[in-house]
N, C-alpha and C. Protein backbone atom coordinates (compact mmCIF):
# COMPACT_ATOMS: atom_id res chain seq x y z
N UNK A 1 4.96 -8.45 13.94
CA UNK A 1 4.01 -7.59 13.25
C UNK A 1 3.96 -6.23 13.95
N UNK A 2 4.02 -5.17 13.16
CA UNK A 2 3.99 -3.81 13.68
C UNK A 2 2.58 -3.25 13.60
N UNK A 3 2.23 -2.42 14.58
CA UNK A 3 0.97 -1.68 14.52
C UNK A 3 1.31 -0.24 14.17
N UNK A 4 0.59 0.30 13.20
CA UNK A 4 0.84 1.65 12.73
C UNK A 4 -0.48 2.41 12.76
N UNK A 5 -0.48 3.59 13.35
CA UNK A 5 -1.67 4.44 13.31
C UNK A 5 -1.64 5.24 12.01
N UNK A 6 -2.66 5.07 11.21
CA UNK A 6 -2.76 5.77 9.93
C UNK A 6 -3.99 6.67 9.94
N UNK A 7 -3.88 7.82 9.31
CA UNK A 7 -4.97 8.78 9.24
C UNK A 7 -5.59 8.75 7.85
N UNK A 8 -6.91 8.56 7.82
CA UNK A 8 -7.64 8.47 6.55
C UNK A 8 -8.71 9.54 6.48
N UNK A 9 -9.01 9.98 5.27
CA UNK A 9 -10.09 10.92 5.01
C UNK A 9 -11.04 10.25 4.03
N UNK A 10 -12.34 10.40 4.28
CA UNK A 10 -13.35 9.82 3.39
C UNK A 10 -14.31 10.93 2.99
N UNK A 11 -14.63 11.00 1.70
CA UNK A 11 -15.62 11.97 1.23
C UNK A 11 -16.41 11.36 0.09
N UNK A 12 -17.50 12.02 -0.24
CA UNK A 12 -18.37 11.53 -1.30
C UNK A 12 -18.20 12.39 -2.56
N UNK A 13 -18.03 11.72 -3.69
CA UNK A 13 -17.96 12.37 -5.00
C UNK A 13 -19.05 11.76 -5.85
N UNK A 14 -20.12 12.48 -6.07
CA UNK A 14 -21.26 11.93 -6.81
C UNK A 14 -21.84 10.76 -6.05
N UNK A 15 -21.85 9.58 -6.67
CA UNK A 15 -22.38 8.37 -6.02
C UNK A 15 -21.28 7.50 -5.42
N UNK A 16 -20.05 7.98 -5.44
CA UNK A 16 -18.90 7.18 -5.01
C UNK A 16 -18.25 7.81 -3.78
N UNK A 17 -17.82 6.95 -2.85
CA UNK A 17 -17.05 7.40 -1.70
C UNK A 17 -15.57 7.18 -1.99
N UNK A 18 -14.76 8.15 -1.64
CA UNK A 18 -13.32 8.08 -1.82
C UNK A 18 -12.68 8.03 -0.44
N UNK A 19 -11.74 7.13 -0.24
CA UNK A 19 -10.98 7.03 1.00
C UNK A 19 -9.51 7.26 0.66
N UNK A 20 -8.88 8.18 1.39
CA UNK A 20 -7.50 8.56 1.11
C UNK A 20 -6.69 8.50 2.39
N UNK A 21 -5.54 7.87 2.33
CA UNK A 21 -4.67 7.77 3.49
C UNK A 21 -3.66 8.90 3.45
N UNK A 22 -3.64 9.72 4.50
CA UNK A 22 -2.75 10.88 4.55
C UNK A 22 -1.28 10.49 4.71
N UNK A 23 -1.00 9.36 5.32
CA UNK A 23 0.37 8.96 5.59
C UNK A 23 1.10 8.44 4.36
N UNK A 24 0.37 7.85 3.43
CA UNK A 24 0.99 7.19 2.29
C UNK A 24 0.54 7.72 0.94
N UNK A 25 -0.49 8.55 0.92
CA UNK A 25 -1.11 9.05 -0.31
C UNK A 25 -1.76 7.94 -1.12
N UNK A 26 -2.07 6.82 -0.49
CA UNK A 26 -2.80 5.73 -1.14
C UNK A 26 -4.29 6.04 -1.02
N UNK A 27 -5.04 5.80 -2.09
CA UNK A 27 -6.48 6.03 -2.04
C UNK A 27 -7.22 4.88 -2.70
N UNK A 28 -8.51 4.81 -2.42
CA UNK A 28 -9.37 3.83 -3.03
C UNK A 28 -10.80 4.36 -2.99
N UNK A 29 -11.75 3.57 -3.45
CA UNK A 29 -13.13 4.06 -3.50
C UNK A 29 -14.10 2.91 -3.36
N UNK A 30 -15.37 3.27 -3.17
CA UNK A 30 -16.43 2.26 -3.07
C UNK A 30 -17.79 2.92 -3.14
N UNK A 31 -18.83 2.10 -3.17
CA UNK A 31 -20.19 2.61 -3.26
C UNK A 31 -20.73 3.08 -1.91
N UNK A 32 -20.02 2.76 -0.82
CA UNK A 32 -20.39 3.22 0.52
C UNK A 32 -19.09 3.58 1.25
N UNK A 33 -19.25 4.29 2.36
CA UNK A 33 -18.09 4.66 3.16
C UNK A 33 -17.36 3.39 3.63
N UNK A 34 -18.14 2.41 4.09
CA UNK A 34 -17.58 1.15 4.58
C UNK A 34 -16.81 0.44 3.48
N UNK A 35 -17.37 0.40 2.28
CA UNK A 35 -16.72 -0.26 1.15
C UNK A 35 -15.44 0.47 0.74
N UNK A 36 -15.48 1.80 0.76
CA UNK A 36 -14.30 2.58 0.41
C UNK A 36 -13.17 2.33 1.40
N UNK A 37 -13.49 2.26 2.70
CA UNK A 37 -12.48 2.00 3.71
C UNK A 37 -11.93 0.57 3.62
N UNK A 38 -12.79 -0.38 3.29
CA UNK A 38 -12.32 -1.76 3.11
C UNK A 38 -11.39 -1.85 1.90
N UNK A 39 -11.73 -1.16 0.83
CA UNK A 39 -10.86 -1.14 -0.37
C UNK A 39 -9.54 -0.45 -0.06
N UNK A 40 -9.60 0.61 0.74
CA UNK A 40 -8.38 1.30 1.13
C UNK A 40 -7.50 0.39 1.98
N UNK A 41 -8.11 -0.35 2.89
CA UNK A 41 -7.35 -1.29 3.73
C UNK A 41 -6.58 -2.29 2.86
N UNK A 42 -7.25 -2.83 1.87
CA UNK A 42 -6.62 -3.78 0.95
C UNK A 42 -5.47 -3.12 0.18
N UNK A 43 -5.72 -1.90 -0.31
CA UNK A 43 -4.68 -1.19 -1.06
C UNK A 43 -3.48 -0.87 -0.16
N UNK A 44 -3.75 -0.51 1.09
CA UNK A 44 -2.65 -0.21 2.02
C UNK A 44 -1.83 -1.45 2.32
N UNK A 45 -2.49 -2.58 2.49
CA UNK A 45 -1.77 -3.83 2.75
C UNK A 45 -0.82 -4.16 1.60
N UNK A 46 -1.29 -3.99 0.38
CA UNK A 46 -0.44 -4.24 -0.79
C UNK A 46 0.70 -3.23 -0.87
N UNK A 47 0.38 -1.97 -0.63
CA UNK A 47 1.38 -0.91 -0.70
C UNK A 47 2.46 -1.10 0.37
N UNK A 48 2.04 -1.43 1.58
CA UNK A 48 2.99 -1.52 2.69
C UNK A 48 3.85 -2.77 2.64
N UNK A 49 3.49 -3.73 1.80
CA UNK A 49 4.35 -4.89 1.58
C UNK A 49 5.69 -4.48 0.99
N UNK A 50 5.68 -3.39 0.21
CA UNK A 50 6.88 -2.95 -0.51
C UNK A 50 7.55 -1.71 0.11
N UNK A 51 6.98 -1.17 1.18
CA UNK A 51 7.50 0.07 1.76
C UNK A 51 7.96 -0.18 3.19
N UNK A 52 9.20 0.19 3.51
CA UNK A 52 9.66 0.05 4.90
C UNK A 52 8.90 1.01 5.81
N UNK A 53 8.68 0.60 7.04
CA UNK A 53 7.94 1.42 7.99
C UNK A 53 8.58 2.80 8.16
N UNK A 54 9.89 2.87 8.07
CA UNK A 54 10.58 4.15 8.24
C UNK A 54 10.22 5.16 7.15
N UNK A 55 9.67 4.69 6.03
CA UNK A 55 9.31 5.58 4.92
C UNK A 55 7.88 6.11 5.02
N UNK A 56 7.12 5.65 6.01
CA UNK A 56 5.74 6.11 6.16
C UNK A 56 5.75 7.47 6.84
N UNK A 57 5.12 8.43 6.21
CA UNK A 57 5.08 9.79 6.72
C UNK A 57 4.22 9.86 7.97
N UNK A 58 4.73 10.53 9.00
CA UNK A 58 3.98 10.70 10.23
C UNK A 58 3.07 11.92 10.08
N UNK A 59 1.79 11.74 10.32
CA UNK A 59 0.82 12.83 10.28
C UNK A 59 0.17 12.88 11.64
N UNK A 60 0.36 13.99 12.33
CA UNK A 60 -0.18 14.12 13.68
C UNK A 60 -1.29 15.16 13.72
N UNK A 61 -2.41 14.78 14.28
CA UNK A 61 -3.55 15.67 14.49
C UNK A 61 -3.97 16.43 13.23
N UNK A 62 -4.34 15.74 12.19
CA UNK A 62 -4.79 16.46 10.98
C UNK A 62 -6.09 17.21 11.26
N UNK A 63 -6.20 18.38 10.68
CA UNK A 63 -7.37 19.22 10.84
C UNK A 63 -7.81 19.67 9.46
N UNK A 64 -9.09 19.54 9.16
CA UNK A 64 -9.61 20.06 7.90
C UNK A 64 -9.87 21.55 8.07
N UNK A 65 -9.26 22.34 7.25
CA UNK A 65 -9.43 23.79 7.30
C UNK A 65 -10.05 24.26 5.99
N UNK A 66 -11.07 25.06 6.10
CA UNK A 66 -11.73 25.62 4.92
C UNK A 66 -10.97 26.88 4.47
N UNK A 67 -10.73 26.97 3.19
CA UNK A 67 -10.07 28.13 2.60
C UNK A 67 -10.98 28.64 1.50
N UNK A 68 -11.22 29.94 1.50
CA UNK A 68 -11.99 30.55 0.42
C UNK A 68 -11.01 30.99 -0.66
N UNK A 69 -11.22 30.46 -1.84
CA UNK A 69 -10.30 30.70 -2.95
C UNK A 69 -11.04 31.48 -4.02
N UNK A 70 -10.48 32.58 -4.46
CA UNK A 70 -11.07 33.38 -5.53
C UNK A 70 -10.19 33.29 -6.76
N UNK A 71 -10.82 33.10 -7.89
CA UNK A 71 -10.05 33.07 -9.14
C UNK A 71 -10.87 33.73 -10.23
N UNK A 72 -10.18 34.11 -11.29
CA UNK A 72 -10.83 34.83 -12.39
C UNK A 72 -11.60 33.91 -13.28
């Protein structure tokens, strides 16, 4: 069994929490942060059954950066 460090982001959209994995682009959701992460864990387990470890994108030191965007 391999251990893989994965980076996840969690945010709230309305009444729902969204959890997104930066390494695989797999996401899930739940009514709480804990539930969203548990759902993401399950989705990742299913996803990684079909994906070789060599195909998992390495993401090192992710930083959230705010960008001000202007549009017409």
